[in-house]
Amino acid sequence: MSALAWRSVGAVDPHRLGEARRQAHNAAQWLVRLARSYIAPQPHGQHTLLQWDSQRQALVTQEFLPQLTVELRIPELALQFKEDGRAVPHVIKLDDRTPAEVEAWVLVELLHRGIDYDRFSKSLPYKVPDLMMGDALRYVAEPLAAELNELATWFANAASVLAAIEKEQLRSATRSTPKLWCWPGVFHLAILLPMHDASSGPILRAGFSAGDDRNDQPYFYVALHDAAAGATPWPDAVVTAASLLQEGRPGETAQDRVCAAIGAMRTTAAK
């Protein structure tokens, strides 16, 4: 079993992360808007998938222009452009900012780089519950500092667990699989794995949800992946954040439980 970089969690009750999740999920849509505006469309919205940087506790776009990405640091709800992997000046912290103010910042940053800002669009390829728009609402970060820090730590822990699972699963896989991605529509981190050893056929998804309408806490899951839908909308939890807090070795427990669920799903599919 691969060593896990599990960070201490539990300072905030996992059931109390809902508002932090809503704020971070809304903030992440600015990354999607930039990706959709400047990256050539790819099948099933793959160009809008985000990467996770555990060191910076940030979600990051794929390169939407040469050497140019944008990150969202979850603990601060801060957006910042990155050039050749390095963060550049003019960060915007979203706390007490309206979506209209954030849009203005994005357009100015594009203008400073000589990028055609007329191509920028706020449209999204999916519906986001409680989507924040215009100037009637304001983002909240500082009053949720503890919750946002805890949420970011859960993301970092999930990334470590899923990376270890991917490494373990690839030992017997006959083809390479996509790396760890964030599906921003549902706010999941996940890896995709073949259901069988064949190079084609059903794909399963081992992932981590920040929580949703059915489950008010983060959880790990395993489900069939629906590429056309671009999401696994209502997976059943394999193990929840609250239950992991009761474990002596929570990272290893999460890894074992997810791997067992992967095995069970493959066994069932083979019958």
C-alpha atoms as a PDB file:
ATOM      1  CA  MET A   1       0.000   0.000   0.000  1.00  0.00           C
ATOM      2  CA  SER A   2       1.328   3.435  -0.923  1.00  0.00           C
ATOM      3  CA  ALA A   3       2.198   5.905   1.832  1.00  0.00           C
ATOM      4  CA  LEU A   4      -0.485   8.517   2.324  1.00  0.00           C
ATOM      5  CA  ALA A   5       0.030  12.198   3.047  1.00  0.00           C
ATOM      6  CA  TRP A   6      -2.971  12.375   5.383  1.00  0.00           C
ATOM      7  CA  ARG A   7      -3.432  15.714   7.140  1.00  0.00           C
ATOM      8  CA  SER A   8      -5.186  16.188  10.452  1.00  0.00           C
ATOM      9  CA  VAL A   9      -8.894  16.923  10.097  1.00  0.00           C
ATOM     10  CA  GLY A  10     -11.804  17.182  12.489  1.00  0.00           C
ATOM     11  CA  ALA A  11     -11.414  20.737  13.742  1.00  0.00           C
ATOM     12  CA  VAL A  12     -14.816  21.401  12.178  1.00  0.00           C
ATOM     13  CA  ASP A  13     -17.728  18.959  12.218  1.00  0.00           C
ATOM     14  CA  PRO A  14     -18.035  17.561   8.647  1.00  0.00           C
ATOM     15  CA  HIS A  15     -21.779  18.224   8.791  1.00  0.00           C
ATOM     16  CA  ARG A  16     -21.046  21.972   9.129  1.00  0.00           C
ATOM     17  CA  LEU A  17     -19.166  22.406   5.840  1.00  0.00           C
ATOM     18  CA  GLY A  18     -22.211  23.047   3.651  1.00  0.00           C
ATOM     19  CA  GLU A  19     -21.902  26.822   3.311  1.00  0.00           C
ATOM     20  CA  ALA A  20     -18.137  26.651   2.761  1.00  0.00           C
ATOM     21  CA  ARG A  21     -18.797  24.058   0.050  1.00  0.00           C
ATOM     22  CA  ARG A  22     -21.406  26.316  -1.579  1.00  0.00           C
ATOM     23  CA  GLN A  23     -19.057  29.300  -1.606  1.00  0.00           C
ATOM     24  CA  ALA A  24     -16.099  27.315  -2.957  1.00  0.00           C
ATOM     25  CA  HIS A  25     -18.247  25.566  -5.563  1.00  0.00           C
ATOM     26  CA  ASN A  26     -19.542  28.896  -6.810  1.00  0.00           C
ATOM     27  CA  ALA A  27     -16.051  30.392  -6.862  1.00  0.00           C
ATOM     28  CA  ALA A  28     -14.715  27.434  -8.879  1.00  0.00           C
ATOM     29  CA  GLN A  29     -17.085  28.294 -11.713  1.00  0.00           C
ATOM     30  CA  TRP A  30     -14.857  31.233 -12.671  1.00  0.00           C
ATOM     31  CA  LEU A  31     -12.182  28.687 -13.573  1.00  0.00           C
ATOM     32  CA  VAL A  32     -14.694  26.807 -15.712  1.00  0.00           C
ATOM     33  CA  ARG A  33     -15.776  30.005 -17.466  1.00  0.00           C
ATOM     34  CA  LEU A  34     -12.178  30.795 -18.407  1.00  0.00           C
ATOM     35  CA  ALA A  35     -11.570  27.250 -19.624  1.00  0.00           C
ATOM     36  CA  ARG A  36     -14.745  27.232 -21.736  1.00  0.00           C
ATOM     37  CA  SER A  37     -13.936  30.622 -23.205  1.00  0.00           C
ATOM     38  CA  TYR A  38     -10.357  29.908 -24.289  1.00  0.00           C
ATOM     39  CA  ILE A  39      -9.747  26.159 -24.563  1.00  0.00           C
ATOM     40  CA  ALA A  40     -10.909  24.350 -27.691  1.00  0.00           C
ATOM     41  CA  PRO A  41     -13.935  22.183 -26.824  1.00  0.00           C
ATOM     42  CA  GLN A  42     -13.176  18.564 -26.043  1.00  0.00           C
ATOM     43  CA  PRO A  43     -15.565  15.600 -25.832  1.00  0.00           C
ATOM     44  CA  HIS A  44     -17.692  15.466 -22.686  1.00  0.00           C
ATOM     45  CA  GLY A  45     -16.341  18.787 -21.439  1.00  0.00           C
ATOM     46  CA  GLN A  46     -12.890  17.435 -20.656  1.00  0.00           C
ATOM     47  CA  HIS A  47     -11.389  20.886 -21.242  1.00  0.00           C
ATOM     48  CA  THR A  48     -13.284  22.211 -18.206  1.00  0.00           C
ATOM     49  CA  LEU A  49     -11.929  19.600 -15.773  1.00  0.00           C
ATOM     50  CA  LEU A  50      -9.752  21.084 -13.059  1.00  0.00           C
ATOM     51  CA  GLN A  51      -6.564  19.911 -11.397  1.00  0.00           C
ATOM     52  CA  TRP A  52      -5.860  19.879  -7.668  1.00  0.00           C
ATOM     53  CA  ASP A  53      -2.692  21.346  -6.168  1.00  0.00           C
ATOM     54  CA  SER A  54      -2.399  19.996  -2.621  1.00  0.00           C
ATOM     55  CA  GLN A  55       0.581  22.185  -1.759  1.00  0.00           C
ATOM     56  CA  ARG A  56      -1.334  25.384  -2.558  1.00  0.00           C
ATOM     57  CA  GLN A  57      -4.710  23.885  -1.591  1.00  0.00           C
ATOM     58  CA  ALA A  58      -6.002  25.097  -4.922  1.00  0.00           C
ATOM     59  CA  LEU A  59      -8.049  24.066  -7.893  1.00  0.00           C
ATOM     60  CA  VAL A  60      -6.309  24.970 -11.153  1.00  0.00           C
ATOM     61  CA  THR A  61      -7.429  25.201 -14.758  1.00  0.00           C
ATOM     62  CA  GLN A  62      -5.687  23.362 -17.527  1.00  0.00           C
ATOM     63  CA  GLU A  63      -3.588  25.667 -19.709  1.00  0.00           C
ATOM     64  CA  PHE A  64      -6.121  27.793 -21.580  1.00  0.00           C
ATOM     65  CA  LEU A  65      -3.372  29.747 -23.344  1.00  0.00           C
ATOM     66  CA  PRO A  66       0.333  28.781 -23.547  1.00  0.00           C
ATOM     67  CA  GLN A  67       1.787  28.626 -20.028  1.00  0.00           C
ATOM     68  CA  LEU A  68      -1.281  30.370 -18.582  1.00  0.00           C
ATOM     69  CA  THR A  69      -3.591  28.945 -15.917  1.00  0.00           C
ATOM     70  CA  VAL A  70      -5.736  30.330 -13.107  1.00  0.00           C
ATOM     71  CA  GLU A  71      -6.068  28.893  -9.612  1.00  0.00           C
ATOM     72  CA  LEU A  72      -8.642  29.123  -6.850  1.00  0.00           C
ATOM     73  CA  ARG A  73      -7.130  28.728  -3.379  1.00  0.00           C
ATOM     74  CA  ILE A  74      -9.955  27.320  -1.315  1.00  0.00           C
ATOM     75  CA  PRO A  75      -8.949  28.473   2.200  1.00  0.00           C
ATOM     76  CA  GLU A  76      -8.971  32.133   1.129  1.00  0.00           C
ATOM     77  CA  LEU A  77     -11.345  31.905  -1.840  1.00  0.00           C
ATOM     78  CA  ALA A  78      -8.613  33.698  -3.787  1.00  0.00           C
ATOM     79  CA  LEU A  79      -8.267  33.741  -7.582  1.00  0.00           C
ATOM     80  CA  GLN A  80      -4.873  34.261  -9.169  1.00  0.00           C
ATOM     81  CA  PHE A  81      -3.400  33.898 -12.649  1.00  0.00           C
ATOM     82  CA  LYS A  82      -0.319  31.700 -13.027  1.00  0.00           C
ATOM     83  CA  GLU A  83       2.283  32.034 -15.755  1.00  0.00           C
ATOM     84  CA  ASP A  84       4.510  29.043 -16.399  1.00  0.00           C
ATOM     85  CA  GLY A  85       3.309  27.575 -13.103  1.00  0.00           C
ATOM     86  CA  ARG A  86       4.146  30.660 -11.035  1.00  0.00           C
ATOM     87  CA  ALA A  87       1.499  32.817  -9.404  1.00  0.00           C
ATOM     88  CA  VAL A  88       1.601  36.428 -10.594  1.00  0.00           C
ATOM     89  CA  PRO A  89       0.530  39.661  -8.820  1.00  0.00           C
ATOM     90  CA  HIS A  90      -3.014  41.030  -8.659  1.00  0.00           C
ATOM     91  CA  VAL A  91      -4.672  38.279  -6.655  1.00  0.00           C
ATOM     92  CA  ILE A  92      -8.338  38.835  -5.832  1.00  0.00           C
ATOM     93  CA  LYS A  93      -9.769  37.573  -2.562  1.00  0.00           C
ATOM     94  CA  LEU A  94     -13.457  36.969  -3.055  1.00  0.00           C
ATOM     95  CA  ASP A  95     -14.542  37.727   0.496  1.00  0.00           C
ATOM     96  CA  ASP A  96     -17.213  40.475   0.439  1.00  0.00           C
ATOM     97  CA  ARG A  97     -16.920  40.734  -3.360  1.00  0.00           C
ATOM     98  CA  THR A  98     -19.862  40.443  -5.712  1.00  0.00           C
ATOM     99  CA  PRO A  99     -19.808  38.225  -8.795  1.00  0.00           C
ATOM    100  CA  ALA A 100     -19.928  41.406 -10.872  1.00  0.00           C
ATOM    101  CA  GLU A 101     -16.726  42.624  -9.194  1.00  0.00           C
ATOM    102  CA  VAL A 102     -15.029  39.303  -9.836  1.00  0.00           C
ATOM    103  CA  GLU A 103     -16.033  39.438 -13.501  1.00  0.00           C
ATOM    104  CA  ALA A 104     -14.526  42.933 -13.774  1.00  0.00           C
ATOM    105  CA  TRP A 105     -11.264  41.638 -12.275  1.00  0.00           C
ATOM    106  CA  VAL A 106     -11.164  38.758 -14.762  1.00  0.00           C
ATOM    107  CA  LEU A 107     -11.688  41.110 -17.709  1.00  0.00           C
ATOM    108  CA  VAL A 108      -8.949  43.487 -16.525  1.00  0.00           C
ATOM    109  CA  GLU A 109      -6.507  40.600 -16.080  1.00  0.00           C
ATOM    110  CA  LEU A 110      -7.266  39.391 -19.595  1.00  0.00           C
ATOM    111  CA  LEU A 111      -6.834  42.918 -20.971  1.00  0.00           C
ATOM    112  CA  HIS A 112      -3.440  43.309 -19.246  1.00  0.00           C
ATOM    113  CA  ARG A 113      -2.260  40.181 -21.058  1.00  0.00           C
ATOM    114  CA  GLY A 114      -3.532  41.238 -24.449  1.00  0.00           C
ATOM    115  CA  ILE A 115      -6.127  38.477 -24.467  1.00  0.00           C
ATOM    116  CA  ASP A 116      -9.347  39.053 -26.383  1.00  0.00           C
ATOM    117  CA  TYR A 117     -11.750  39.559 -23.474  1.00  0.00           C
ATOM    118  CA  ASP A 118     -14.723  39.615 -25.843  1.00  0.00           C
ATOM    119  CA  ARG A 119     -14.346  35.827 -25.989  1.00  0.00           C
ATOM    120  CA  PHE A 120     -14.938  35.539 -22.256  1.00  0.00           C
ATOM    121  CA  SER A 121     -18.355  34.134 -21.423  1.00  0.00           C
ATOM    122  CA  LYS A 122     -20.022  33.538 -18.067  1.00  0.00           C
ATOM    123  CA  SER A 123     -22.150  30.694 -19.445  1.00  0.00           C
ATOM    124  CA  LEU A 124     -21.732  27.232 -17.940  1.00  0.00           C
ATOM    125  CA  PRO A 125     -22.422  23.803 -19.493  1.00  0.00           C
ATOM    126  CA  TYR A 126     -24.505  22.684 -16.515  1.00  0.00           C
ATOM    127  CA  LYS A 127     -26.725  24.019 -13.766  1.00  0.00           C
ATOM    128  CA  VAL A 128     -25.201  24.893 -10.405  1.00  0.00           C
ATOM    129  CA  PRO A 129     -27.526  24.986  -7.391  1.00  0.00           C
ATOM    130  CA  ASP A 130     -27.701  28.490  -5.869  1.00  0.00           C
ATOM    131  CA  LEU A 131     -25.464  29.955  -8.558  1.00  0.00           C
ATOM    132  CA  MET A 132     -24.257  33.418  -7.543  1.00  0.00           C
ATOM    133  CA  MET A 133     -24.576  36.077 -10.238  1.00  0.00           C
ATOM    134  CA  GLY A 134     -24.651  39.873 -10.614  1.00  0.00           C
ATOM    135  CA  ASP A 135     -24.146  42.395  -7.829  1.00  0.00           C
ATOM    136  CA  ALA A 136     -26.919  41.479  -5.398  1.00  0.00           C
ATOM    137  CA  LEU A 137     -24.910  38.814  -3.544  1.00  0.00           C
ATOM    138  CA  ARG A 138     -21.439  38.751  -2.025  1.00  0.00           C
ATOM    139  CA  TYR A 139     -19.003  35.910  -1.508  1.00  0.00           C
ATOM    140  CA  VAL A 140     -18.184  34.994   2.070  1.00  0.00           C
ATOM    141  CA  ALA A 141     -14.762  33.717   3.099  1.00  0.00           C
ATOM    142  CA  GLU A 142     -13.353  35.306   6.251  1.00  0.00           C
ATOM    143  CA  PRO A 143     -16.326  34.334   8.471  1.00  0.00           C
ATOM    144  CA  LEU A 144     -15.952  30.788   7.099  1.00  0.00           C
ATOM    145  CA  ALA A 145     -12.178  30.595   7.469  1.00  0.00           C
ATOM    146  CA  ALA A 146     -12.209  27.502   9.687  1.00  0.00           C
ATOM    147  CA  GLU A 147     -14.727  25.711   7.467  1.00  0.00           C
ATOM    148  CA  LEU A 148     -12.894  26.565   4.226  1.00  0.00           C
ATOM    149  CA  ASN A 149      -9.585  25.406   5.698  1.00  0.00           C
ATOM    150  CA  GLU A 150     -11.203  22.143   6.761  1.00  0.00           C
ATOM    151  CA  LEU A 151     -12.783  21.650   3.331  1.00  0.00           C
ATOM    152  CA  ALA A 152      -9.431  22.250   1.638  1.00  0.00           C
ATOM    153  CA  THR A 153      -7.805  19.699   3.942  1.00  0.00           C
ATOM    154  CA  TRP A 154     -10.429  17.109   3.043  1.00  0.00           C
ATOM    155  CA  PHE A 155      -9.693  17.757  -0.639  1.00  0.00           C
ATOM    156  CA  ALA A 156      -5.958  17.302  -0.033  1.00  0.00           C
ATOM    157  CA  ASN A 157      -6.552  14.066   1.878  1.00  0.00           C
ATOM    158  CA  ALA A 158      -8.874  12.784  -0.835  1.00  0.00           C
ATOM    159  CA  ALA A 159      -6.263  13.565  -3.480  1.00  0.00           C
ATOM    160  CA  SER A 160      -3.687  11.525  -1.563  1.00  0.00           C
ATOM    161  CA  VAL A 161      -6.059   8.562  -1.131  1.00  0.00           C
ATOM    162  CA  LEU A 162      -7.207   8.559  -4.749  1.00  0.00           C
ATOM    163  CA  ALA A 163      -3.662   8.898  -6.092  1.00  0.00           C
ATOM    164  CA  ALA A 164      -2.641   5.869  -4.010  1.00  0.00           C
ATOM    165  CA  ILE A 165      -5.637   3.903  -5.307  1.00  0.00           C
ATOM    166  CA  GLU A 166      -4.813   4.820  -8.892  1.00  0.00           C
ATOM    167  CA  LYS A 167      -1.215   3.681  -8.453  1.00  0.00           C
ATOM    168  CA  GLU A 168      -2.345   0.392  -6.934  1.00  0.00           C
ATOM    169  CA  GLN A 169      -4.961  -0.241  -9.610  1.00  0.00           C
ATOM    170  CA  LEU A 170      -2.600   0.521 -12.488  1.00  0.00           C
ATOM    171  CA  ARG A 171      -0.369  -2.376 -11.514  1.00  0.00           C
ATOM    172  CA  SER A 172      -2.854  -4.749 -13.087  1.00  0.00           C
ATOM    173  CA  ALA A 173      -4.463  -2.443 -15.637  1.00  0.00           C
ATOM    174  CA  THR A 174      -3.729  -3.011 -19.318  1.00  0.00           C
ATOM    175  CA  ARG A 175      -4.044   0.644 -20.267  1.00  0.00           C
ATOM    176  CA  SER A 176      -3.303   4.000 -18.760  1.00  0.00           C
ATOM    177  CA  THR A 177      -6.108   5.947 -17.136  1.00  0.00           C
ATOM    178  CA  PRO A 178      -6.819   9.645 -16.713  1.00  0.00           C
ATOM    179  CA  LYS A 179      -5.158  11.368 -13.794  1.00  0.00           C
ATOM    180  CA  LEU A 180      -6.973  12.745 -10.811  1.00  0.00           C
ATOM    181  CA  TRP A 181      -9.401  15.460 -11.897  1.00  0.00           C
ATOM    182  CA  CYS A 182     -12.013  17.687 -10.339  1.00  0.00           C
ATOM    183  CA  TRP A 183     -15.409  17.595 -12.044  1.00  0.00           C
ATOM    184  CA  PRO A 184     -16.497  21.169 -11.253  1.00  0.00           C
ATOM    185  CA  GLY A 185     -20.190  20.716 -12.010  1.00  0.00           C
ATOM    186  CA  VAL A 186     -20.640  18.347  -9.077  1.00  0.00           C
ATOM    187  CA  PHE A 187     -17.505  19.379  -7.144  1.00  0.00           C
ATOM    188  CA  HIS A 188     -15.949  15.898  -7.095  1.00  0.00           C
ATOM    189  CA  LEU A 189     -12.352  14.758  -7.181  1.00  0.00           C
ATOM    190  CA  ALA A 190     -12.140  11.428  -8.982  1.00  0.00           C
ATOM    191  CA  ILE A 191     -10.126   8.950 -11.000  1.00  0.00           C
ATOM    192  CA  LEU A 192     -11.480   6.786 -13.816  1.00  0.00           C
ATOM    193  CA  LEU A 193     -10.650   3.107 -13.975  1.00  0.00           C
ATOM    194  CA  PRO A 194     -11.581   0.334 -16.420  1.00  0.00           C
ATOM    195  CA  MET A 195     -14.330  -1.950 -15.183  1.00  0.00           C
ATOM    196  CA  HIS A 196     -12.492  -4.893 -16.753  1.00  0.00           C
ATOM    197  CA  ASP A 197      -8.977  -5.498 -18.046  1.00  0.00           C
ATOM    198  CA  ALA A 198     -10.097  -4.859 -21.606  1.00  0.00           C
ATOM    199  CA  SER A 199      -9.096  -1.612 -23.291  1.00  0.00           C
ATOM    200  CA  SER A 200     -12.721  -0.695 -23.926  1.00  0.00           C
ATOM    201  CA  GLY A 201     -15.982  -1.061 -22.087  1.00  0.00           C
ATOM    202  CA  PRO A 202     -17.602   0.414 -18.992  1.00  0.00           C
ATOM    203  CA  ILE A 203     -15.645   2.812 -16.828  1.00  0.00           C
ATOM    204  CA  LEU A 204     -15.955   3.099 -13.084  1.00  0.00           C
ATOM    205  CA  ARG A 205     -15.303   6.192 -11.107  1.00  0.00           C
ATOM    206  CA  ALA A 206     -13.610   6.256  -7.711  1.00  0.00           C
ATOM    207  CA  GLY A 207     -14.083   9.642  -6.192  1.00  0.00           C
ATOM    208  CA  PHE A 208     -14.603  12.098  -3.395  1.00  0.00           C
ATOM    209  CA  SER A 209     -17.578  14.405  -3.067  1.00  0.00           C
ATOM    210  CA  ALA A 210     -17.474  17.590  -1.018  1.00  0.00           C
ATOM    211  CA  GLY A 211     -21.093  16.837  -0.107  1.00  0.00           C
ATOM    212  CA  ASP A 212     -24.443  17.356  -1.774  1.00  0.00           C
ATOM    213  CA  ASP A 213     -28.182  17.680  -1.218  1.00  0.00           C
ATOM    214  CA  ARG A 214     -28.472  14.056  -0.094  1.00  0.00           C
ATOM    215  CA  ASN A 215     -25.368  13.903   2.076  1.00  0.00           C
ATOM    216  CA  ASP A 216     -24.407  16.993   4.063  1.00  0.00           C
ATOM    217  CA  GLN A 217     -20.790  15.935   4.573  1.00  0.00           C
ATOM    218  CA  PRO A 218     -17.823  14.923   2.402  1.00  0.00           C
ATOM    219  CA  TYR A 219     -17.608  11.277   1.373  1.00  0.00           C
ATOM    220  CA  PHE A 220     -15.761   8.792  -0.828  1.00  0.00           C
ATOM    221  CA  TYR A 221     -17.689   6.771  -3.404  1.00  0.00           C
ATOM    222  CA  VAL A 222     -17.407   4.298  -6.279  1.00  0.00           C
ATOM    223  CA  ALA A 223     -19.876   4.372  -9.181  1.00  0.00           C
ATOM    224  CA  LEU A 224     -20.260   3.835 -12.890  1.00  0.00           C
ATOM    225  CA  HIS A 225     -18.959   6.803 -14.846  1.00  0.00           C
ATOM    226  CA  ASP A 226     -21.355   8.433 -17.282  1.00  0.00           C
ATOM    227  CA  ALA A 227     -19.091  10.267 -19.718  1.00  0.00           C
ATOM    228  CA  ALA A 228     -21.975  11.725 -21.685  1.00  0.00           C
ATOM    229  CA  ALA A 229     -23.442  13.318 -18.565  1.00  0.00           C
ATOM    230  CA  GLY A 230     -19.993  14.392 -17.408  1.00  0.00           C
ATOM    231  CA  ALA A 231     -20.856  13.466 -13.852  1.00  0.00           C
ATOM    232  CA  THR A 232     -21.943  10.797 -11.439  1.00  0.00           C
ATOM    233  CA  PRO A 233     -24.786  12.814  -9.939  1.00  0.00           C
ATOM    234  CA  TRP A 234     -25.946  10.836  -6.919  1.00  0.00           C
ATOM    235  CA  PRO A 235     -23.393   8.190  -5.916  1.00  0.00           C
ATOM    236  CA  ASP A 236     -23.787   6.233  -2.711  1.00  0.00           C
ATOM    237  CA  ALA A 237     -21.179   6.898  -0.054  1.00  0.00           C
ATOM    238  CA  VAL A 238     -18.591   4.176   0.499  1.00  0.00           C
ATOM    239  CA  VAL A 239     -17.252   5.950   3.569  1.00  0.00           C
ATOM    240  CA  THR A 240     -18.145   9.363   5.020  1.00  0.00           C
ATOM    241  CA  ALA A 241     -15.953  12.011   6.582  1.00  0.00           C
ATOM    242  CA  ALA A 242     -17.606  11.628   9.981  1.00  0.00           C
ATOM    243  CA  SER A 243     -16.997   7.891  10.045  1.00  0.00           C
ATOM    244  CA  LEU A 244     -13.344   8.351   9.099  1.00  0.00           C
ATOM    245  CA  LEU A 245     -12.849  10.647  12.085  1.00  0.00           C
ATOM    246  CA  GLN A 246     -13.544   7.631  14.288  1.00  0.00           C
ATOM    247  CA  GLU A 247     -10.694   5.633  12.734  1.00  0.00           C
ATOM    248  CA  GLY A 248      -7.152   5.410  14.012  1.00  0.00           C
ATOM    249  CA  ARG A 249      -5.774   5.386  10.456  1.00  0.00           C
ATOM    250  CA  PRO A 250      -8.400   7.256   8.433  1.00  0.00           C
ATOM    251  CA  GLY A 251      -6.436   7.471   5.190  1.00  0.00           C
ATOM    252  CA  GLU A 252      -5.725   3.753   5.079  1.00  0.00           C
ATOM    253  CA  THR A 253      -9.338   3.016   5.997  1.00  0.00           C
ATOM    254  CA  ALA A 254     -10.599   5.191   3.145  1.00  0.00           C
ATOM    255  CA  GLN A 255      -8.208   3.512   0.710  1.00  0.00           C
ATOM    256  CA  ASP A 256      -9.180   0.013   1.834  1.00  0.00           C
ATOM    257  CA  ARG A 257     -12.917   0.722   1.701  1.00  0.00           C
ATOM    258  CA  VAL A 258     -12.765   2.297  -1.761  1.00  0.00           C
ATOM    259  CA  CYS A 259     -10.598  -0.523  -3.128  1.00  0.00           C
ATOM    260  CA  ALA A 260     -13.026  -3.074  -1.684  1.00  0.00           C
ATOM    261  CA  ALA A 261     -15.921  -1.260  -3.369  1.00  0.00           C
ATOM    262  CA  ILE A 262     -14.043  -1.260  -6.672  1.00  0.00           C
ATOM    263  CA  GLY A 263     -13.508  -5.005  -6.357  1.00  0.00           C
ATOM    264  CA  ALA A 264     -17.131  -5.619  -5.481  1.00  0.00           C
ATOM    265  CA  MET A 265     -18.362  -3.589  -8.432  1.00  0.00           C
ATOM    266  CA  ARG A 266     -16.088  -5.490 -10.825  1.00  0.00           C
ATOM    267  CA  THR A 267     -17.213  -8.834  -9.401  1.00  0.00           C
ATOM    268  CA  THR A 268     -20.857  -7.896  -9.802  1.00  0.00           C
ATOM    269  CA  ALA A 269     -20.308  -6.675 -13.361  1.00  0.00           C
ATOM    270  CA  ALA A 270     -18.544  -9.930 -14.295  1.00  0.00           C
ATOM    271  CA  LYS A 271     -21.545 -12.097 -13.351  1.00  0.00           C
END
